[in-house]
Amino acid sequence: MSVKQDFGDALRAAVPVILAAGPFGLLFGAIAVDNGFTVGEAVLMSATVYAGASQMVGIDLFGDKIEPWLIVFSIFAVNFRHVLYSAVIGRKIGHWTAFQRYVGFFLLIDPQFAEAEKRTENGKPLSFAWYMGLAIPIYLSWVAEGFLGATFGKLVENPADYGIDFLLPIYFLGLVMGFRKRPNWLPVVMVSAVASIGAYAVVGSPWHVSIGALAGVASAAAIGTQPKEARE
């Protein structure tokens, strides 16, 4: 496929992602200003951190005046899944230049990973043109949504009254369900869910995110190394 075709395909794939993530981006901007951020600081955080869950965690921790090292460590725990994303995607972009890989990893958020995996599963190459055609509009819309939320968020006194704060778990559930046709999907998801819930009860947030992810990876590795007869 040509660069133009790849880019066009990616732009079309970006539309539903932008619509799904839009309310969450607006919510972040509103919460950021409500916690003492200026509009400029909220926009800067969206542009440089570019990770919705980590931005939410950061806002909560900044307001509690916690030690900086603990904030960094907590955000790492939430974003540990991106290390796993990079390990998977990195094997498929070896033909990119070093600069392209640096840019690609910065833009590697949850929907970017999900769409990239779907594309490669369909036997299509993961070209840089396609990747950026998907990433650029999502990134720009995220920053714009943060700005709009920070600017007009005060018009909504309590977003929780409208159930907006429940958008994140619904969003991630949709991403997980997108891989439901993969072999051993259900047992891996169940192990990860049980481990995450247990960790939340024992050690609390945000560590349950990383513990659940590691449990899922371990179960997938264990299932994958068993003989076929043992799995049937």
Protein backbone atom coordinates (compact mmCIF):
# COMPACT_ATOMS: atom_id res chain seq x y z
CA MET A 1 0.00 0.00 0.00
CA SER A 2 1.12 3.57 -0.62
CA VAL A 3 1.90 6.09 2.09
CA LYS A 4 -1.26 8.01 1.19
CA GLN A 5 -3.43 4.90 1.47
CA ASP A 6 -1.89 3.89 4.80
CA PHE A 7 -2.35 7.37 6.22
CA GLY A 8 -5.96 7.55 5.01
CA ASP A 9 -6.81 4.16 6.52
CA ALA A 10 -5.39 5.29 9.84
CA LEU A 11 -7.32 8.55 9.83
CA ARG A 12 -10.56 6.62 9.44
CA ALA A 13 -9.57 4.28 12.27
CA ALA A 14 -8.84 7.27 14.52
CA VAL A 15 -12.38 8.69 14.39
CA PRO A 16 -14.07 6.19 16.76
CA VAL A 17 -11.09 6.39 19.14
CA ILE A 18 -11.37 10.17 19.32
CA LEU A 19 -15.11 9.99 19.96
CA ALA A 20 -14.66 7.37 22.70
CA ALA A 21 -11.81 9.17 24.48
CA GLY A 22 -13.26 12.67 24.08
CA PRO A 23 -15.31 12.79 27.29
CA PHE A 24 -12.37 11.47 29.29
CA GLY A 25 -10.08 14.18 27.93
CA LEU A 26 -12.63 16.84 28.84
CA LEU A 27 -12.98 15.33 32.30
CA PHE A 28 -9.24 15.49 32.86
CA GLY A 29 -9.11 19.19 32.00
CA ALA A 30 -12.01 19.96 34.33
CA ILE A 31 -10.52 17.99 37.23
CA ALA A 32 -7.07 19.50 36.69
CA VAL A 33 -8.37 23.06 37.06
CA ASP A 34 -10.52 22.00 40.02
CA ASN A 35 -7.33 20.77 41.73
CA GLY A 36 -5.50 24.06 41.30
CA PHE A 37 -3.92 23.72 37.84
CA THR A 38 -4.02 26.62 35.43
CA VAL A 39 -5.40 26.03 31.95
CA GLY A 40 -1.85 26.22 30.57
CA GLU A 41 -0.55 23.66 33.08
CA ALA A 42 -3.39 21.26 32.26
CA VAL A 43 -2.68 21.53 28.54
CA LEU A 44 1.07 21.12 29.11
CA MET A 45 0.49 17.95 31.12
CA SER A 46 -1.70 16.48 28.38
CA ALA A 47 0.89 17.35 25.74
CA THR A 48 3.94 16.00 27.59
CA VAL A 49 2.67 13.14 29.77
CA TYR A 50 0.00 12.02 27.29
CA ALA A 51 -1.39 9.20 29.41
CA GLY A 52 -4.89 9.68 30.74
CA ALA A 53 -4.78 7.33 33.74
CA SER A 54 -1.37 8.60 34.85
CA GLN A 55 -2.52 12.20 34.52
CA MET A 56 -5.48 11.47 36.80
CA VAL A 57 -3.27 9.75 39.37
CA GLY A 58 -0.76 12.60 39.20
CA ILE A 59 -3.44 15.19 39.89
CA ASP A 60 -4.67 13.33 42.96
CA LEU A 61 -1.15 12.90 44.34
CA PHE A 62 -0.09 16.50 43.64
CA GLY A 63 -3.02 17.70 45.72
CA ASP A 64 -1.98 15.50 48.66
CA LYS A 65 1.55 17.02 48.79
CA ILE A 66 3.24 13.61 48.58
CA GLU A 67 6.99 13.21 48.09
CA PRO A 68 7.97 13.58 44.39
CA TRP A 69 9.66 10.16 44.24
CA LEU A 70 6.46 8.50 45.41
CA ILE A 71 4.46 10.31 42.73
CA VAL A 72 6.87 9.10 40.03
CA PHE A 73 6.79 5.56 41.42
CA SER A 74 2.99 5.50 41.56
CA ILE A 75 2.66 6.77 37.99
CA PHE A 76 5.14 4.12 36.88
CA ALA A 77 2.94 1.48 38.51
CA VAL A 78 -0.11 2.71 36.61
CA ASN A 79 1.76 2.95 33.31
CA PHE A 80 3.67 -0.32 33.61
CA ARG A 81 1.42 -1.80 30.93
CA HIS A 82 3.11 0.51 28.42
CA VAL A 83 6.35 -1.39 28.97
CA LEU A 84 4.50 -4.50 27.83
CA TYR A 85 3.01 -2.62 24.87
CA SER A 86 6.48 -1.51 23.80
CA ALA A 87 7.85 -5.05 24.02
CA VAL A 88 5.11 -6.31 21.70
CA ILE A 89 5.12 -3.44 19.19
CA GLY A 90 8.92 -3.17 19.18
CA ARG A 91 9.20 -6.53 17.42
CA LYS A 92 7.05 -5.25 14.56
CA ILE A 93 8.76 -1.92 13.87
CA GLY A 94 12.35 -3.03 13.43
CA HIS A 95 12.32 -1.51 9.94
CA TRP A 96 11.70 1.99 11.35
CA THR A 97 14.53 4.43 11.97
CA ALA A 98 15.63 5.13 15.54
CA PHE A 99 13.89 8.52 15.49
CA GLN A 100 10.66 6.97 14.22
CA ARG A 101 10.74 4.42 17.03
CA TYR A 102 11.25 7.14 19.67
CA VAL A 103 8.26 9.05 18.33
CA GLY A 104 6.22 5.88 18.04
CA PHE A 105 6.84 4.79 21.62
CA PHE A 106 5.90 8.25 22.96
CA LEU A 107 2.56 8.00 21.14
CA LEU A 108 1.95 4.37 22.17
CA ILE A 109 -1.20 4.68 24.27
CA ASP A 110 -3.87 2.03 24.83
CA PRO A 111 -5.98 2.53 21.67
CA GLN A 112 -2.83 2.96 19.56
CA PHE A 113 -1.63 -0.44 20.73
CA ALA A 114 -5.03 -2.06 20.23
CA GLU A 115 -5.43 -0.77 16.68
CA ALA A 116 -1.84 -1.67 15.78
CA GLU A 117 -2.40 -5.23 17.00
CA LYS A 118 -5.61 -5.55 14.99
CA ARG A 119 -3.82 -4.35 11.88
CA THR A 120 -0.97 -6.84 12.16
CA GLU A 121 -3.41 -9.66 12.94
CA ASN A 122 -5.07 -8.93 9.60
CA GLY A 123 -1.72 -9.43 7.88
CA LYS A 124 -1.08 -5.77 7.12
CA PRO A 125 2.32 -4.13 7.73
CA LEU A 126 2.77 -1.66 10.56
CA SER A 127 4.11 1.24 8.51
CA PHE A 128 5.17 4.53 10.04
CA ALA A 129 2.70 6.39 7.80
CA TRP A 130 -0.22 4.32 9.11
CA TYR A 131 0.98 4.63 12.70
CA MET A 132 1.24 8.42 12.55
CA GLY A 133 -2.04 8.72 10.66
CA LEU A 134 -3.68 7.18 13.69
CA ALA A 135 -1.53 8.79 16.39
CA ILE A 136 -1.49 12.44 15.28
CA PRO A 137 -5.25 13.14 15.29
CA ILE A 138 -5.69 11.26 18.59
CA TYR A 139 -2.85 13.20 20.20
CA LEU A 140 -4.03 16.60 18.95
CA SER A 141 -7.62 15.91 19.98
CA TRP A 142 -6.48 14.82 23.46
CA VAL A 143 -4.59 18.06 24.00
CA ALA A 144 -7.52 20.08 22.64
CA GLU A 145 -9.97 18.24 24.89
CA GLY A 146 -7.80 19.00 27.91
CA PHE A 147 -7.89 22.67 26.98
CA LEU A 148 -11.67 22.70 26.54
CA GLY A 149 -12.23 20.81 29.77
CA ALA A 150 -9.93 23.14 31.69
CA THR A 151 -11.53 26.24 30.16
CA PHE A 152 -15.19 25.30 30.50
CA GLY A 153 -15.08 22.59 33.16
CA LYS A 154 -16.32 24.96 35.85
CA LEU A 155 -19.70 24.96 34.13
CA VAL A 156 -20.19 21.40 35.42
CA GLU A 157 -20.12 21.57 39.21
CA ASN A 158 -19.78 17.84 39.90
CA PRO A 159 -18.95 15.55 36.94
CA ALA A 160 -19.59 12.46 39.10
CA ASP A 161 -23.29 13.34 39.24
CA TYR A 162 -23.47 12.58 35.52
CA GLY A 163 -21.49 9.35 35.72
CA ILE A 164 -18.65 10.83 33.68
CA ASP A 165 -16.08 9.43 36.11
CA PHE A 166 -17.17 5.92 35.08
CA LEU A 167 -16.04 6.43 31.50
CA LEU A 168 -12.51 5.14 32.09
CA PRO A 169 -13.39 1.58 33.18
CA ILE A 170 -15.94 1.31 30.36
CA TYR A 171 -13.32 2.50 27.89
CA PHE A 172 -10.73 -0.06 29.03
CA LEU A 173 -13.35 -2.82 29.05
CA GLY A 174 -14.02 -2.07 25.40
CA LEU A 175 -10.31 -2.41 24.58
CA VAL A 176 -10.07 -5.73 26.40
CA MET A 177 -13.17 -7.10 24.67
CA GLY A 178 -11.60 -6.26 21.33
CA PHE A 179 -9.17 -9.17 21.83
CA ARG A 180 -11.80 -11.71 22.95
CA LYS A 181 -11.30 -13.93 19.87
CA ARG A 182 -7.68 -14.65 20.75
CA PRO A 183 -6.81 -18.12 22.08
CA ASN A 184 -6.90 -18.40 25.89
CA TRP A 185 -8.32 -14.89 26.19
CA LEU A 186 -10.81 -15.74 28.94
CA PRO A 187 -8.48 -17.53 31.39
CA VAL A 188 -5.83 -14.83 31.05
CA VAL A 189 -8.38 -12.07 31.64
CA MET A 190 -9.86 -13.92 34.63
CA VAL A 191 -6.46 -14.42 36.27
CA SER A 192 -5.55 -10.79 35.70
CA ALA A 193 -8.90 -9.57 37.07
CA VAL A 194 -8.75 -11.73 40.21
CA ALA A 195 -5.15 -10.71 40.90
CA SER A 196 -5.96 -7.04 40.40
CA ILE A 197 -8.99 -7.13 42.69
CA GLY A 198 -7.03 -9.01 45.34
CA ALA A 199 -4.13 -6.56 45.11
CA TYR A 200 -6.51 -3.62 45.39
CA ALA A 201 -7.90 -5.07 48.63
CA VAL A 202 -4.46 -5.86 50.08
CA VAL A 203 -2.06 -3.15 48.87
CA GLY A 204 -4.45 -0.64 47.31
CA SER A 205 -4.21 1.64 44.27
CA PRO A 206 -2.33 2.12 41.97
CA TRP A 207 -0.34 -1.07 42.53
CA HIS A 208 -3.25 -3.32 41.63
CA VAL A 209 -2.87 -2.21 38.00
CA SER A 210 0.69 -3.52 37.64
CA ILE A 211 0.05 -6.63 39.74
CA GLY A 212 -2.97 -7.54 37.64
CA ALA A 213 -0.98 -7.01 34.44
CA LEU A 214 1.93 -9.15 35.65
CA ALA A 215 -0.45 -11.92 36.71
CA GLY A 216 -2.02 -11.88 33.24
CA VAL A 217 1.37 -12.03 31.56
CA ALA A 218 2.47 -14.90 33.82
CA SER A 219 -0.69 -16.89 33.13
CA ALA A 220 -0.38 -16.34 29.37
CA ALA A 221 3.25 -17.48 29.48
CA ALA A 222 2.33 -20.56 31.53
CA ILE A 223 -0.49 -21.54 29.16
CA GLY A 224 1.71 -20.96 26.14
CA THR A 225 4.47 -23.25 27.43
CA GLN A 226 2.17 -26.17 28.21
CA PRO A 227 1.90 -29.04 25.70
CA LYS A 228 -1.19 -28.84 23.52
CA GLU A 229 -2.63 -32.03 25.07
CA ALA A 230 -2.44 -30.50 28.56
CA ARG A 231 -4.44 -27.46 27.51
CA GLU A 232 -7.26 -29.44 25.90
